[in-house]
Amino acid sequence: MAAMEARSVDAIPRGAEWQYEPKWDGFRCLLSRRGERVDLRSKSGEDLARYFPELVQAALQLKATAFMLDGEIVVPHGKSFSFDELLQRIHPATSRIRKLSQETPALFLAFDLLATAKDGKLASQPLSKRRPALEAFAKSQFKSNKTFHLSSVTTSYAVAKKWLRQAGGGSDGVIAKRLDLPYQSGNREGMQKIKKFRSADCVIGGFRYASNKLNGRKTVGSLLLGLYDNKGLLHHVGFTSAIKREDKPALTAKLEPLIGPPGFTGNAPGGPSRWSTERSAQWCPLKPKLVIEVCYDHFSGERFRHGTSILRWRPDKAPKQCTLDQLKQKAADPMKLLR
């Protein structure tokens, strides 16, 4: 069975037909057990079992011997969930995976029940029937198992808005699901996702040329973003490549006169990290003169997790005002959103 997918929307939908859940920032997973066989399947259909042996063992310890759950795999870190530590689990070495499964064991956050021994076609029932079935299953199965948790749910629009405001630390938004529909395997008709986007003022500490020339000339392909720490060091924190084709020649002309040191004085592109690629070293440092405001969805491991979007240039902002402190936020404790 393919996982139900979500359609991205800008606002939380309202109405009695909607149920709301926290949107977890982990690996989506369909977890099923048939006797002594446990299968962990990603949204793209990849087998995740070898990367999370502790989840396999925890599933085998449940009393139920036949079921299918839809949920999210997360790795706790302090009072939050760490996507960076989760990424480390996707490793080719079995010994490394085994070590991490003991040092940073994962949790499974269940938010749907698709089959049980008594009802192998529970997925065909509307969510209004599946959710009570999931809660009953969790009450009888999860109580003595520290790995499995029941994800919170509400039908209150006000509560959903609060979750969206407090997103962070492992939750990056809100999921809205239709109560009146059966499980929408492989499509986006019954589920919507609303992510909390934030903005930050960043220094342009460098740029990369595009791989293809425009009208025979090299033009900018991406801007490298920097933020200052409390010691005055400019750290590379991410990039933006959302530059309109027609704007590239003028932007290139604006950047090239500023090429020169110091560029990044703290963490720099091409330094040792899991994000590094062969192209990471092919960048031009810039004097810290330009400030740009970008829109981002998640910041972890001292980096924007994904590429950012340009909101506007900030000639009114001094580069030294662009500090890491602006990214600190009060986020909800994700463990309080579990049962």
Protein backbone atom coordinates (compact mmCIF):
# COMPACT_ATOMS: atom_id res chain seq x y z
CA MET A 1 0.00 0.00 0.00
CA ALA A 2 1.28 3.48 -0.89
CA ALA A 3 1.31 6.14 1.80
CA MET A 4 -1.33 8.85 1.79
CA GLU A 5 0.20 12.14 0.66
CA ALA A 6 -0.48 15.78 1.51
CA ARG A 7 -1.15 18.84 -0.58
CA SER A 8 0.71 21.99 0.51
CA VAL A 9 -1.59 24.92 1.29
CA ASP A 10 -1.02 28.39 2.71
CA ALA A 11 -3.63 28.35 5.48
CA ILE A 12 -5.24 25.89 7.86
CA PRO A 13 -8.63 24.79 6.45
CA ARG A 14 -11.69 25.26 8.64
CA GLY A 15 -14.78 23.12 9.01
CA ALA A 16 -16.30 20.21 10.92
CA GLU A 17 -14.90 17.78 8.33
CA TRP A 18 -11.28 18.48 9.33
CA GLN A 19 -9.03 16.90 11.95
CA TYR A 20 -5.66 18.49 12.82
CA GLU A 21 -2.35 16.94 13.81
CA PRO A 22 1.20 18.21 14.38
CA LYS A 23 3.36 17.86 11.26
CA TRP A 24 6.42 15.93 12.41
CA ASP A 25 9.83 16.61 10.90
CA GLY A 26 11.04 13.03 10.48
CA PHE A 27 10.82 10.09 8.11
CA ARG A 28 7.30 9.08 7.10
CA CYS A 29 6.86 5.35 7.50
CA LEU A 30 4.28 2.61 6.99
CA LEU A 31 5.07 0.02 9.65
CA SER A 32 3.46 -3.40 9.36
CA ARG A 33 3.80 -6.69 11.18
CA ARG A 34 2.73 -10.16 10.10
CA GLY A 35 3.73 -12.70 12.68
CA GLU A 36 7.50 -12.46 13.14
CA ARG A 37 7.99 -10.32 10.04
CA VAL A 38 8.15 -6.52 10.40
CA ASP A 39 8.28 -4.18 7.41
CA LEU A 40 9.19 -0.48 7.51
CA ARG A 41 8.42 1.28 4.26
CA SER A 42 9.17 4.93 3.40
CA LYS A 43 6.77 7.18 1.51
CA SER A 44 8.77 6.47 -1.65
CA GLY A 45 8.54 2.72 -1.05
CA GLU A 46 12.11 2.24 0.22
CA ASP A 47 12.84 -0.39 2.88
CA LEU A 48 13.83 1.34 6.13
CA ALA A 49 14.05 -1.73 8.36
CA ARG A 50 17.83 -2.15 8.11
CA TYR A 51 18.39 1.44 9.24
CA PHE A 52 16.17 1.17 12.32
CA PRO A 53 16.65 -2.28 13.87
CA GLU A 54 15.41 -0.99 17.23
CA LEU A 55 12.00 -0.24 15.68
CA VAL A 56 11.81 -3.76 14.30
CA GLN A 57 12.56 -5.21 17.73
CA ALA A 58 10.08 -2.89 19.43
CA ALA A 59 7.34 -3.88 16.96
CA LEU A 60 8.00 -7.56 17.70
CA GLN A 61 7.51 -6.86 21.40
CA LEU A 62 3.94 -5.61 20.89
CA LYS A 63 1.20 -8.06 21.78
CA ALA A 64 -0.53 -7.63 18.43
CA THR A 65 0.96 -9.84 15.72
CA ALA A 66 -0.85 -8.40 12.69
CA PHE A 67 -1.30 -4.69 12.01
CA MET A 68 -0.28 -1.74 9.81
CA LEU A 69 0.45 1.72 11.19
CA ASP A 70 1.09 5.01 9.42
CA GLY A 71 3.45 7.29 11.31
CA GLU A 72 6.71 9.17 11.56
CA ILE A 73 10.18 8.06 12.62
CA VAL A 74 12.00 10.65 14.76
CA VAL A 75 15.14 10.73 16.89
CA PRO A 76 14.90 12.58 20.25
CA HIS A 77 17.61 15.06 21.16
CA GLY A 78 17.13 16.77 24.50
CA LYS A 79 13.64 18.28 24.47
CA SER A 80 13.35 18.21 20.69
CA PHE A 81 13.71 15.89 17.73
CA SER A 82 16.87 16.04 15.62
CA PHE A 83 16.59 15.62 11.86
CA ASP A 84 20.38 15.72 11.60
CA GLU A 85 20.76 12.68 13.86
CA LEU A 86 17.97 10.98 11.92
CA LEU A 87 19.88 11.52 8.66
CA GLN A 88 22.95 9.86 10.12
CA ARG A 89 21.02 6.60 10.33
CA ILE A 90 20.92 6.26 6.55
CA HIS A 91 24.40 4.73 6.47
CA PRO A 92 25.78 1.80 4.44
CA ALA A 93 27.69 0.26 7.35
CA THR A 94 25.67 -2.16 9.48
CA SER A 95 28.05 -1.67 12.42
CA ARG A 96 27.48 2.09 12.31
CA ILE A 97 23.70 1.67 12.21
CA ARG A 98 23.80 -0.74 15.15
CA LYS A 99 25.92 1.68 17.18
CA LEU A 100 23.60 4.63 16.48
CA SER A 101 20.48 2.56 17.19
CA GLN A 102 21.82 2.12 20.72
CA GLU A 103 23.19 5.64 21.22
CA THR A 104 20.32 7.57 19.60
CA PRO A 105 17.33 5.19 19.42
CA ALA A 106 14.43 6.29 17.25
CA LEU A 107 10.76 6.62 18.16
CA PHE A 108 7.69 5.80 16.08
CA LEU A 109 4.89 8.36 16.27
CA ALA A 110 1.67 6.71 15.12
CA PHE A 111 -1.11 8.80 13.55
CA ASP A 112 -3.18 6.24 11.61
CA LEU A 113 -4.14 2.57 11.82
CA LEU A 114 -4.75 0.86 8.47
CA ALA A 115 -5.17 -2.81 9.36
CA THR A 116 -5.51 -5.13 12.33
CA ALA A 117 -5.93 -8.88 12.74
CA LYS A 118 -9.69 -8.35 13.10
CA ASP A 119 -10.06 -5.83 10.29
CA GLY A 120 -7.59 -6.16 7.44
CA LYS A 121 -9.44 -3.46 5.46
CA LEU A 122 -9.58 -0.75 8.10
CA ALA A 123 -8.05 1.68 5.59
CA SER A 124 -11.33 1.65 3.66
CA GLN A 125 -13.11 3.17 6.66
CA PRO A 126 -13.30 6.97 7.10
CA LEU A 127 -10.81 8.62 9.42
CA SER A 128 -13.63 9.22 11.91
CA LYS A 129 -13.63 5.43 12.45
CA ARG A 130 -9.89 4.83 12.05
CA ARG A 131 -8.81 7.34 14.71
CA PRO A 132 -10.84 5.75 17.56
CA ALA A 133 -9.50 2.37 16.42
CA LEU A 134 -5.95 3.74 16.58
CA GLU A 135 -6.50 5.15 20.07
CA ALA A 136 -7.84 1.81 21.31
CA PHE A 137 -4.90 0.01 19.68
CA ALA A 138 -2.39 2.41 21.27
CA LYS A 139 -4.00 2.07 24.69
CA SER A 140 -3.66 -1.71 24.61
CA GLN A 141 -0.28 -1.92 22.85
CA PHE A 142 1.88 1.16 23.54
CA LYS A 143 1.57 1.44 27.33
CA SER A 144 4.57 -0.74 28.16
CA ASN A 145 6.54 0.09 24.99
CA LYS A 146 8.74 3.21 25.12
CA THR A 147 9.35 3.26 21.36
CA PHE A 148 5.77 3.70 20.15
CA HIS A 149 3.77 6.87 20.83
CA LEU A 150 0.39 8.16 19.77
CA SER A 151 0.49 11.51 17.97
CA SER A 152 -1.92 14.15 19.26
CA VAL A 153 -5.02 15.19 17.38
CA THR A 154 -7.61 17.96 17.66
CA THR A 155 -10.68 19.22 15.84
CA SER A 156 -10.17 22.70 17.28
CA TYR A 157 -9.04 25.30 14.76
CA ALA A 158 -7.68 27.44 17.62
CA VAL A 159 -5.48 24.61 18.89
CA ALA A 160 -4.23 23.93 15.36
CA LYS A 161 -3.26 27.60 15.00
CA LYS A 162 -1.37 27.39 18.30
CA TRP A 163 0.54 24.33 17.07
CA LEU A 164 1.48 26.20 13.91
CA ARG A 165 2.72 29.22 15.88
CA GLN A 166 4.83 27.00 18.14
CA ALA A 167 6.24 24.82 15.36
CA GLY A 168 9.90 23.98 15.83
CA GLY A 169 12.11 21.48 17.61
CA GLY A 170 10.73 18.55 15.66
CA SER A 171 7.35 19.80 14.50
CA ASP A 172 7.37 22.06 11.45
CA GLY A 173 3.69 22.75 10.91
CA VAL A 174 0.19 21.29 10.94
CA ILE A 175 -1.48 18.47 9.04
CA ALA A 176 -5.20 18.67 8.27
CA LYS A 177 -7.08 15.47 7.38
CA ARG A 178 -10.60 14.85 6.17
CA LEU A 179 -12.58 12.92 8.77
CA ASP A 180 -15.14 11.71 6.24
CA LEU A 181 -12.78 10.02 3.78
CA PRO A 182 -11.14 6.58 3.72
CA TYR A 183 -7.34 6.37 3.62
CA GLN A 184 -6.27 8.06 0.38
CA SER A 185 -3.45 5.73 -0.59
CA GLY A 186 -1.02 7.40 -3.01
CA ASN A 187 -2.96 10.63 -3.52
CA ARG A 188 -3.42 14.03 -1.88
CA GLU A 189 -7.19 14.34 -1.77
CA GLY A 190 -7.71 13.83 1.96
CA MET A 191 -4.75 15.57 3.56
CA GLN A 192 -3.26 19.07 3.55
CA LYS A 193 -0.03 20.36 5.12
CA ILE A 194 0.59 23.84 6.40
CA LYS A 195 4.21 24.65 7.23
CA LYS A 196 5.46 27.54 9.29
CA PHE A 197 7.76 29.67 7.20
CA ARG A 198 10.05 32.21 8.78
CA SER A 199 12.34 34.93 7.47
CA ALA A 200 15.89 35.93 8.32
CA ASP A 201 18.21 38.74 7.27
CA CYS A 202 21.47 37.27 5.94
CA VAL A 203 24.78 38.56 4.67
CA ILE A 204 25.79 37.41 1.19
CA GLY A 205 29.22 35.99 1.97
CA GLY A 206 29.82 34.50 -1.45
CA PHE A 207 28.22 33.12 -4.59
CA ARG A 208 28.55 30.36 -7.15
CA TYR A 209 28.36 30.79 -10.90
CA ALA A 210 25.67 28.86 -12.72
CA SER A 211 26.86 25.72 -14.51
CA ASN A 212 25.43 27.00 -17.81
CA LYS A 213 26.31 30.34 -19.40
CA LEU A 214 23.63 32.85 -20.30
CA ASN A 215 24.12 34.42 -23.74
CA GLY A 216 27.73 33.26 -23.63
CA ARG A 217 28.47 34.89 -20.28
CA LYS A 218 28.89 33.46 -16.80
CA THR A 219 26.12 34.50 -14.43
CA VAL A 220 25.35 33.90 -10.79
CA GLY A 221 23.69 30.57 -9.97
CA SER A 222 23.28 30.78 -6.18
CA LEU A 223 23.95 33.13 -3.31
CA LEU A 224 25.75 31.83 -0.21
CA LEU A 225 24.22 33.08 3.01
CA GLY A 226 26.00 34.00 6.22
CA LEU A 227 25.16 34.93 9.81
CA TYR A 228 27.45 36.31 12.51
CA ASP A 229 27.97 34.60 15.86
CA ASN A 230 28.57 36.45 19.14
CA LYS A 231 32.32 36.46 18.44
CA GLY A 232 31.88 38.33 15.16
CA LEU A 233 32.59 35.36 12.91
CA LEU A 234 30.53 35.04 9.74
CA HIS A 235 29.28 31.47 9.31
CA HIS A 236 27.95 29.95 6.11
CA VAL A 237 24.39 28.84 6.91
CA GLY A 238 22.87 27.97 3.54
CA PHE A 239 22.08 29.24 0.07
CA THR A 240 19.40 30.51 -2.22
CA SER A 241 19.20 29.73 -5.93
CA ALA A 242 15.74 31.24 -6.43
CA ILE A 243 17.00 33.89 -8.84
CA LYS A 244 14.96 34.83 -11.89
CA ARG A 245 16.73 34.22 -15.18
CA GLU A 246 16.20 37.80 -16.34
CA ASP A 247 17.71 39.16 -13.10
CA LYS A 248 20.94 37.17 -13.27
CA PRO A 249 23.05 39.45 -15.54
CA ALA A 250 22.39 42.56 -13.43
CA LEU A 251 22.93 40.66 -10.19
CA THR A 252 26.20 39.23 -11.49
CA ALA A 253 27.37 42.72 -12.36
CA LYS A 254 26.47 43.83 -8.83
CA LEU A 255 28.35 40.97 -7.17
CA GLU A 256 31.57 40.73 -9.18
CA PRO A 257 33.06 44.06 -7.99
CA LEU A 258 32.68 42.80 -4.41
CA ILE A 259 34.64 39.58 -4.98
CA GLY A 260 37.41 39.35 -2.42
CA PRO A 261 38.20 38.51 1.19
CA PRO A 262 37.18 37.97 3.85
CA GLY A 263 34.12 36.03 2.70
CA PHE A 264 33.17 33.63 5.49
CA THR A 265 35.36 33.89 8.58
CA GLY A 266 33.72 31.01 10.47
CA ASN A 267 32.25 27.87 8.91
CA ALA A 268 32.71 28.13 5.15
CA PRO A 269 31.38 26.26 2.09
CA GLY A 270 33.50 23.24 1.35
CA GLY A 271 34.29 22.56 5.01
CA PRO A 272 33.80 19.03 6.32
CA SER A 273 30.09 18.26 6.57
CA ARG A 274 27.60 15.82 5.17
CA TRP A 275 26.28 18.53 2.87
CA SER A 276 29.60 19.02 1.12
CA THR A 277 29.85 18.16 -2.57
CA GLU A 278 32.53 18.47 -5.22
CA ARG A 279 31.06 21.85 -6.20
CA SER A 280 31.23 23.14 -2.62
CA ALA A 281 34.76 24.49 -3.13
CA GLN A 282 33.84 26.31 -6.36
CA TRP A 283 32.62 29.57 -4.93
CA CYS A 284 33.64 33.20 -4.91
CA PRO A 285 34.05 34.98 -1.56
CA LEU A 286 32.48 38.42 -1.23
CA LYS A 287 33.16 41.41 0.96
CA PRO A 288 30.32 41.50 3.52
CA LYS A 289 28.38 44.44 2.07
CA LEU A 290 25.03 43.06 0.91
CA VAL A 291 22.09 41.97 3.06
CA ILE A 292 19.11 40.01 1.84
CA GLU A 293 15.98 38.76 3.61
CA VAL A 294 15.14 35.13 2.87
CA CYS A 295 12.22 32.88 3.66
CA TYR A 296 13.03 29.47 5.17
CA ASP A 297 11.15 26.58 6.69
CA HIS A 298 13.67 24.92 9.02
CA PHE A 299 17.02 25.68 10.62
CA SER A 300 19.05 22.89 12.29
CA GLY A 301 22.68 21.91 12.64
CA GLU A 302 23.63 25.59 12.13
CA ARG A 303 22.19 25.56 8.60
CA PHE A 304 18.98 26.17 6.71
CA ARG A 305 17.84 22.63 6.04
CA HIS A 306 16.57 23.41 2.54
CA GLY A 307 17.18 26.09 -0.03
CA THR A 308 15.65 29.45 0.81
CA SER A 309 13.55 31.95 -1.15
CA ILE A 310 14.44 35.59 -1.64
CA LEU A 311 11.95 37.97 -0.07
CA ARG A 312 13.73 41.33 -0.56
CA TRP A 313 17.03 43.14 -0.46
CA ARG A 314 17.78 44.99 2.77
CA PRO A 315 20.00 48.02 2.03
CA ASP A 316 18.69 49.47 5.30
CA LYS A 317 20.24 46.64 7.31
CA ALA A 318 23.87 46.63 8.46
CA PRO A 319 25.62 43.29 7.81
CA LYS A 320 26.71 43.08 11.46
CA GLN A 321 23.03 43.06 12.46
CA CYS A 322 22.60 39.70 10.72
CA THR A 323 23.26 37.36 13.65
CA LEU A 324 22.42 33.79 14.55
CA ASP A 325 20.41 35.09 17.50
CA GLN A 326 17.52 36.06 15.21
CA LEU A 327 16.84 32.37 14.57
CA LYS A 328 16.29 31.49 18.20
CA GLN A 329 12.64 30.82 18.95
CA LYS A 330 10.50 29.36 21.65
CA ALA A 331 9.15 26.09 20.31
CA ALA A 332 6.70 23.67 21.85
CA ASP A 333 8.10 20.62 23.60
CA PRO A 334 7.31 17.89 21.01
CA MET A 335 7.00 15.22 23.69
CA LYS A 336 3.99 17.09 25.08
CA LEU A 337 2.24 16.51 21.74
CA LEU A 338 2.45 12.74 22.18
CA ARG A 339 0.32 10.37 24.22
